[in-house]
Structures are given as C-alpha cells and as structure tokens.
Amino acid sequence: MPMTLRGARVVLRPTVPSDVPSLAAIRATPEVYARWRGGEDLVAAVLEDLAEPGAEQLTIEDGDGDEDEGVVIGMIQWSAEADPEYRHASIDIYLDPAMHGRGLGTDAVRTLARHLIADHGHHRIVIDPAADNAAAIRCYAKVGFRPVGVMRSYERGADGTWHDGLLMDLLAEELTP
C-alpha cells in the first residue's frame, strides 16, 4: 500500500477516485496537454494511467500552508526496473501550470526521490523530459539530476512529428537536500 510522503512544500499521497476530475482538469491545461496528451476523454486517460501495471501514482497536494493548502496540484508516478543487473527507478510528473515557478514541482520530485532511495534502496533514478522543456530540466537539475544524453526522435508529438527527449539520472549520493 502506498504511503503518504511529506515534503517541505507538498504532500504526495495515494491517488483516490475523487482526485480523477482534478487531475483530468490539470491534464486539460494547454501546457500539460502538450506534454502528456491523452485524447478527448482525459478522465479516461487518467484512469488508464492509474491502472498501469508496475507504476505507482501519487497525487500532489499543495502543502506549503498558503491559501491553496490541500488542493490537488498534480500527479507524480514512479516505476522500477526489477532486473537486479539494471535496477533503478523512474519518475514522471505533471503539475498545474498555475503552480509553476513556486518550487512545488522541485519539492515533489525531491520528496519522491528521497523516498525511492531511503525506503526502496534505489541507487539510481531516471527522468526523461522533452529536450525542449527547459523549465522541467531546470527543476530536475535542482534536485541533482544530470543530463545523460539526448534521445533523438524519442516521442511522437501531438503534431505527429518526432521530438527529442533528454535522459537525466540521479545517483543516490547526488540528491540535493
């Protein structure tokens, strides 16, 4: 059973059915939809994400004591490579664009990374933002992620063309406080 994780400014908790409309609304914002897409039925897309085998999704709530305290502001998920020869975890996140620039995404990624290292024993975590997503790349770098390399023509965009991704990784000892 997933646990609730508390960061300095966010709370990451197991996603419950009542979160789905809020998460679908966040996915519908142009900034998030451009990266995560999901078709015309974003409620169905969120439910599909929640049913993904091997992935654990956590709802991100604002937890910094302001007027948005307790409001659903995004989702973060992780999965693990179980092969002991290649063991590592991976993270994906989306955050309500209205919350960007406040350090909440950085705190969410750091909080989950700390949990994966301390509680699950992962020595390496990867994340793969779009190569042109400068804000996400800055966010992950603040946590300690480093660029590994560009994955050329990595994902198909909404326009049907292929776009590059940036593989970034974090070793346990590189996690910033």
C-alpha atoms as a PDB file:
ATOM      1  CA  MET A   1       0.000   0.000   0.000  1.00  0.00           C
ATOM      2  CA  PRO A   2       1.466   3.365  -0.971  1.00  0.00           C
ATOM      3  CA  MET A   3       2.216   5.767   1.848  1.00  0.00           C
ATOM      4  CA  THR A   4       1.761   9.497   2.192  1.00  0.00           C
ATOM      5  CA  LEU A   5       5.012  11.427   1.778  1.00  0.00           C
ATOM      6  CA  ARG A   6       5.505  14.939   3.129  1.00  0.00           C
ATOM      7  CA  GLY A   7       7.932  17.312   1.506  1.00  0.00           C
ATOM      8  CA  ALA A   8       8.830  20.812   2.584  1.00  0.00           C
ATOM      9  CA  ARG A   9       6.015  22.310   0.468  1.00  0.00           C
ATOM     10  CA  VAL A  10       3.946  19.414  -0.914  1.00  0.00           C
ATOM     11  CA  VAL A  11       2.176  16.263   0.191  1.00  0.00           C
ATOM     12  CA  LEU A  12       2.321  13.178  -2.039  1.00  0.00           C
ATOM     13  CA  ARG A  13      -0.466  10.755  -1.257  1.00  0.00           C
ATOM     14  CA  PRO A  14      -2.116   7.754  -2.855  1.00  0.00           C
ATOM     15  CA  THR A  15      -4.490   8.800  -5.615  1.00  0.00           C
ATOM     16  CA  VAL A  16      -8.166   8.170  -4.864  1.00  0.00           C
ATOM     17  CA  PRO A  17     -11.125   8.162  -7.287  1.00  0.00           C
ATOM     18  CA  SER A  18     -12.244  11.637  -6.177  1.00  0.00           C
ATOM     19  CA  ASP A  19      -8.885  13.021  -7.472  1.00  0.00           C
ATOM     20  CA  VAL A  20      -9.579  11.979 -11.063  1.00  0.00           C
ATOM     21  CA  PRO A  21     -11.644  15.048 -12.117  1.00  0.00           C
ATOM     22  CA  SER A  22      -8.994  17.435 -10.721  1.00  0.00           C
ATOM     23  CA  LEU A  23      -6.179  15.518 -12.393  1.00  0.00           C
ATOM     24  CA  ALA A  24      -8.091  15.435 -15.695  1.00  0.00           C
ATOM     25  CA  ALA A  25      -8.621  19.213 -15.464  1.00  0.00           C
ATOM     26  CA  ILE A  26      -4.877  19.718 -14.936  1.00  0.00           C
ATOM     27  CA  ARG A  27      -4.147  17.408 -17.882  1.00  0.00           C
ATOM     28  CA  ALA A  28      -6.512  19.563 -19.988  1.00  0.00           C
ATOM     29  CA  THR A  29      -4.449  22.728 -19.500  1.00  0.00           C
ATOM     30  CA  PRO A  30      -2.607  23.502 -22.748  1.00  0.00           C
ATOM     31  CA  GLU A  31       0.842  23.327 -21.117  1.00  0.00           C
ATOM     32  CA  VAL A  32       0.256  19.870 -19.611  1.00  0.00           C
ATOM     33  CA  TYR A  33      -1.766  18.505 -22.523  1.00  0.00           C
ATOM     34  CA  ALA A  34       1.056  19.385 -24.926  1.00  0.00           C
ATOM     35  CA  ARG A  35       3.390  17.046 -22.984  1.00  0.00           C
ATOM     36  CA  TRP A  36       1.037  14.334 -21.652  1.00  0.00           C
ATOM     37  CA  ARG A  37      -1.807  14.397 -24.208  1.00  0.00           C
ATOM     38  CA  GLY A  38      -4.490  11.739 -23.631  1.00  0.00           C
ATOM     39  CA  GLY A  39      -7.118  12.150 -26.326  1.00  0.00           C
ATOM     40  CA  GLU A  40     -10.514  13.735 -25.936  1.00  0.00           C
ATOM     41  CA  ASP A  41     -11.511  11.917 -22.731  1.00  0.00           C
ATOM     42  CA  LEU A  42      -8.953  12.950 -20.131  1.00  0.00           C
ATOM     43  CA  VAL A  43     -10.869  11.288 -17.295  1.00  0.00           C
ATOM     44  CA  ALA A  44     -10.375   8.002 -19.152  1.00  0.00           C
ATOM     45  CA  ALA A  45      -6.700   8.887 -19.734  1.00  0.00           C
ATOM     46  CA  VAL A  46      -6.130   9.482 -16.005  1.00  0.00           C
ATOM     47  CA  LEU A  47      -7.923   6.238 -15.144  1.00  0.00           C
ATOM     48  CA  GLU A  48      -5.719   4.425 -17.682  1.00  0.00           C
ATOM     49  CA  ASP A  49      -2.617   5.905 -16.023  1.00  0.00           C
ATOM     50  CA  LEU A  50      -3.846   4.724 -12.619  1.00  0.00           C
ATOM     51  CA  ALA A  51      -4.305   1.185 -13.970  1.00  0.00           C
ATOM     52  CA  GLU A  52      -0.806   0.996 -15.483  1.00  0.00           C
ATOM     53  CA  PRO A  53       0.841  -2.208 -14.228  1.00  0.00           C
ATOM     54  CA  GLY A  54       4.059  -1.686 -12.312  1.00  0.00           C
ATOM     55  CA  ALA A  55       3.590   2.063 -11.826  1.00  0.00           C
ATOM     56  CA  GLU A  56       2.665   3.809  -8.604  1.00  0.00           C
ATOM     57  CA  GLN A  57       0.847   7.120  -8.872  1.00  0.00           C
ATOM     58  CA  LEU A  58       0.688   9.723  -6.130  1.00  0.00           C
ATOM     59  CA  THR A  59      -1.474  12.820  -6.109  1.00  0.00           C
ATOM     60  CA  ILE A  60       0.433  16.016  -5.339  1.00  0.00           C
ATOM     61  CA  GLU A  61      -1.256  18.413  -2.924  1.00  0.00           C
ATOM     62  CA  ASP A  62      -0.115  21.908  -2.078  1.00  0.00           C
ATOM     63  CA  GLY A  63       1.238  21.635   1.444  1.00  0.00           C
ATOM     64  CA  ASP A  64       3.046  24.920   1.985  1.00  0.00           C
ATOM     65  CA  GLY A  65       0.497  26.471   4.341  1.00  0.00           C
ATOM     66  CA  ASP A  66      -0.892  29.089   1.953  1.00  0.00           C
ATOM     67  CA  GLU A  67      -4.447  29.563   0.694  1.00  0.00           C
ATOM     68  CA  ASP A  68      -4.019  26.545  -1.640  1.00  0.00           C
ATOM     69  CA  GLU A  69      -3.191  24.119   1.207  1.00  0.00           C
ATOM     70  CA  GLY A  70      -4.641  20.664   0.444  1.00  0.00           C
ATOM     71  CA  VAL A  71      -5.553  21.483  -3.171  1.00  0.00           C
ATOM     72  CA  VAL A  72      -4.710  18.838  -5.788  1.00  0.00           C
ATOM     73  CA  ILE A  73      -1.971  20.377  -7.954  1.00  0.00           C
ATOM     74  CA  GLY A  74      -0.666  17.424  -9.944  1.00  0.00           C
ATOM     75  CA  MET A  75       0.401  13.826 -10.117  1.00  0.00           C
ATOM     76  CA  ILE A  76       3.770  12.110  -9.799  1.00  0.00           C
ATOM     77  CA  GLN A  77       4.401   8.478 -10.634  1.00  0.00           C
ATOM     78  CA  TRP A  78       7.254   6.051 -10.420  1.00  0.00           C
ATOM     79  CA  SER A  79       8.136   2.590 -11.578  1.00  0.00           C
ATOM     80  CA  ALA A  80      11.118   0.330 -11.068  1.00  0.00           C
ATOM     81  CA  GLU A  81      13.271  -1.913 -13.216  1.00  0.00           C
ATOM     82  CA  ALA A  82      13.316  -5.158 -11.233  1.00  0.00           C
ATOM     83  CA  ASP A  83      16.233  -6.869 -13.015  1.00  0.00           C
ATOM     84  CA  PRO A  84      18.965  -6.791 -10.337  1.00  0.00           C
ATOM     85  CA  GLU A  85      21.612  -6.200 -13.010  1.00  0.00           C
ATOM     86  CA  TYR A  86      19.927  -2.936 -14.066  1.00  0.00           C
ATOM     87  CA  ARG A  87      17.861  -1.988 -11.000  1.00  0.00           C
ATOM     88  CA  HIS A  88      16.716   1.642 -10.944  1.00  0.00           C
ATOM     89  CA  ALA A  89      13.550   3.704 -10.618  1.00  0.00           C
ATOM     90  CA  SER A  90      11.991   6.202 -12.998  1.00  0.00           C
ATOM     91  CA  ILE A  91       9.800   9.217 -12.290  1.00  0.00           C
ATOM     92  CA  ASP A  92       7.183  11.151 -14.304  1.00  0.00           C
ATOM     93  CA  ILE A  93       5.308  14.239 -13.118  1.00  0.00           C
ATOM     94  CA  TYR A  94       2.806  16.854 -14.184  1.00  0.00           C
ATOM     95  CA  LEU A  95       1.895  19.938 -12.218  1.00  0.00           C
ATOM     96  CA  ASP A  96      -0.865  22.511 -12.634  1.00  0.00           C
ATOM     97  CA  PRO A  97       0.710  25.368 -14.619  1.00  0.00           C
ATOM     98  CA  ALA A  98      -0.865  27.829 -12.149  1.00  0.00           C
ATOM     99  CA  MET A  99       1.557  26.391  -9.572  1.00  0.00           C
ATOM    100  CA  HIS A 100       4.698  26.629 -11.726  1.00  0.00           C
ATOM    101  CA  GLY A 101       7.570  28.777 -10.514  1.00  0.00           C
ATOM    102  CA  ARG A 102       6.890  28.228  -6.810  1.00  0.00           C
ATOM    103  CA  GLY A 103       9.262  25.329  -6.160  1.00  0.00           C
ATOM    104  CA  LEU A 104       6.440  22.828  -5.699  1.00  0.00           C
ATOM    105  CA  GLY A 105       7.499  20.577  -8.584  1.00  0.00           C
ATOM    106  CA  THR A 106      11.080  20.554  -7.334  1.00  0.00           C
ATOM    107  CA  ASP A 107       9.874  19.630  -3.850  1.00  0.00           C
ATOM    108  CA  ALA A 108       7.634  16.852  -5.232  1.00  0.00           C
ATOM    109  CA  VAL A 109      10.482  15.312  -7.277  1.00  0.00           C
ATOM    110  CA  ARG A 110      12.940  15.623  -4.370  1.00  0.00           C
ATOM    111  CA  THR A 111      10.442  14.100  -1.912  1.00  0.00           C
ATOM    112  CA  LEU A 112       9.761  11.105  -4.144  1.00  0.00           C
ATOM    113  CA  ALA A 113      13.462  10.646  -4.987  1.00  0.00           C
ATOM    114  CA  ARG A 114      14.337  10.659  -1.277  1.00  0.00           C
ATOM    115  CA  HIS A 115      11.656   8.004  -0.663  1.00  0.00           C
ATOM    116  CA  LEU A 116      12.897   5.826  -3.527  1.00  0.00           C
ATOM    117  CA  ILE A 117      16.462   5.990  -2.212  1.00  0.00           C
ATOM    118  CA  ALA A 118      15.791   5.687   1.529  1.00  0.00           C
ATOM    119  CA  ASP A 119      12.787   3.358   1.583  1.00  0.00           C
ATOM    120  CA  HIS A 120      13.216   1.312  -1.608  1.00  0.00           C
ATOM    121  CA  GLY A 121      17.010   1.196  -1.764  1.00  0.00           C
ATOM    122  CA  HIS A 122      17.374   2.618  -5.260  1.00  0.00           C
ATOM    123  CA  HIS A 123      20.854   3.885  -6.079  1.00  0.00           C
ATOM    124  CA  ARG A 124      19.827   5.479  -9.396  1.00  0.00           C
ATOM    125  CA  ILE A 125      16.709   7.284 -10.625  1.00  0.00           C
ATOM    126  CA  VAL A 126      15.965   8.416 -14.168  1.00  0.00           C
ATOM    127  CA  ILE A 127      13.637  11.009 -15.650  1.00  0.00           C
ATOM    128  CA  ASP A 128      13.133  11.866 -19.324  1.00  0.00           C
ATOM    129  CA  PRO A 129      11.717  15.319 -20.073  1.00  0.00           C
ATOM    130  CA  ALA A 130      11.253  16.589 -23.593  1.00  0.00           C
ATOM    131  CA  ALA A 131      14.566  18.079 -24.706  1.00  0.00           C
ATOM    132  CA  ASP A 132      12.879  21.450 -25.278  1.00  0.00           C
ATOM    133  CA  ASN A 133      11.216  21.559 -21.830  1.00  0.00           C
ATOM    134  CA  ALA A 134      13.707  23.952 -20.231  1.00  0.00           C
ATOM    135  CA  ALA A 135      11.587  24.561 -17.108  1.00  0.00           C
ATOM    136  CA  ALA A 136      11.340  20.842 -16.308  1.00  0.00           C
ATOM    137  CA  ILE A 137      15.050  20.332 -16.942  1.00  0.00           C
ATOM    138  CA  ARG A 138      15.889  23.197 -14.534  1.00  0.00           C
ATOM    139  CA  CYS A 139      13.539  21.713 -11.935  1.00  0.00           C
ATOM    140  CA  TYR A 140      15.153  18.276 -12.121  1.00  0.00           C
ATOM    141  CA  ALA A 141      18.667  19.740 -12.056  1.00  0.00           C
ATOM    142  CA  LYS A 142      17.811  21.494  -8.767  1.00  0.00           C
ATOM    143  CA  VAL A 143      17.157  18.051  -7.261  1.00  0.00           C
ATOM    144  CA  GLY A 144      20.503  16.759  -8.547  1.00  0.00           C
ATOM    145  CA  PHE A 145      19.558  15.091 -11.835  1.00  0.00           C
ATOM    146  CA  ARG A 146      22.217  15.366 -14.528  1.00  0.00           C
ATOM    147  CA  PRO A 147      21.834  15.096 -18.295  1.00  0.00           C
ATOM    148  CA  VAL A 148      22.928  11.736 -19.675  1.00  0.00           C
ATOM    149  CA  GLY A 149      22.157  12.425 -23.321  1.00  0.00           C
ATOM    150  CA  VAL A 150      19.595  13.341 -25.922  1.00  0.00           C
ATOM    151  CA  MET A 151      17.326  10.565 -27.098  1.00  0.00           C
ATOM    152  CA  ARG A 152      16.737  11.542 -30.705  1.00  0.00           C
ATOM    153  CA  SER A 153      13.213  11.297 -32.123  1.00  0.00           C
ATOM    154  CA  TYR A 154      12.151   9.869 -28.766  1.00  0.00           C
ATOM    155  CA  GLU A 155       8.423  10.562 -28.708  1.00  0.00           C
ATOM    156  CA  ARG A 156       5.745  11.487 -31.181  1.00  0.00           C
ATOM    157  CA  GLY A 157       4.230  14.894 -30.541  1.00  0.00           C
ATOM    158  CA  ALA A 158       0.593  15.900 -30.899  1.00  0.00           C
ATOM    159  CA  ASP A 159       1.508  17.251 -34.337  1.00  0.00           C
ATOM    160  CA  GLY A 160       2.569  13.763 -35.464  1.00  0.00           C
ATOM    161  CA  THR A 161       6.271  14.565 -35.705  1.00  0.00           C
ATOM    162  CA  TRP A 162       9.018  13.015 -33.600  1.00  0.00           C
ATOM    163  CA  HIS A 163      10.637  15.058 -30.830  1.00  0.00           C
ATOM    164  CA  ASP A 164      13.835  14.599 -28.844  1.00  0.00           C
ATOM    165  CA  GLY A 165      13.885  13.660 -25.166  1.00  0.00           C
ATOM    166  CA  LEU A 166      16.590  14.274 -22.607  1.00  0.00           C
ATOM    167  CA  LEU A 167      17.576  11.343 -20.422  1.00  0.00           C
ATOM    168  CA  MET A 168      18.604  12.558 -16.973  1.00  0.00           C
ATOM    169  CA  ASP A 169      19.683  10.499 -13.997  1.00  0.00           C
ATOM    170  CA  LEU A 170      20.356  10.954 -10.319  1.00  0.00           C
ATOM    171  CA  LEU A 171      22.657   8.819  -8.205  1.00  0.00           C
ATOM    172  CA  ALA A 172      21.669   8.487  -4.545  1.00  0.00           C
ATOM    173  CA  GLU A 173      24.675  10.483  -3.329  1.00  0.00           C
ATOM    174  CA  GLU A 174      23.811  13.369  -5.701  1.00  0.00           C
ATOM    175  CA  LEU A 175      20.350  14.079  -4.244  1.00  0.00           C
ATOM    176  CA  THR A 176      20.300  17.679  -3.075  1.00  0.00           C
ATOM    177  CA  PRO A 177      18.958  18.465   0.400  1.00  0.00           C
END
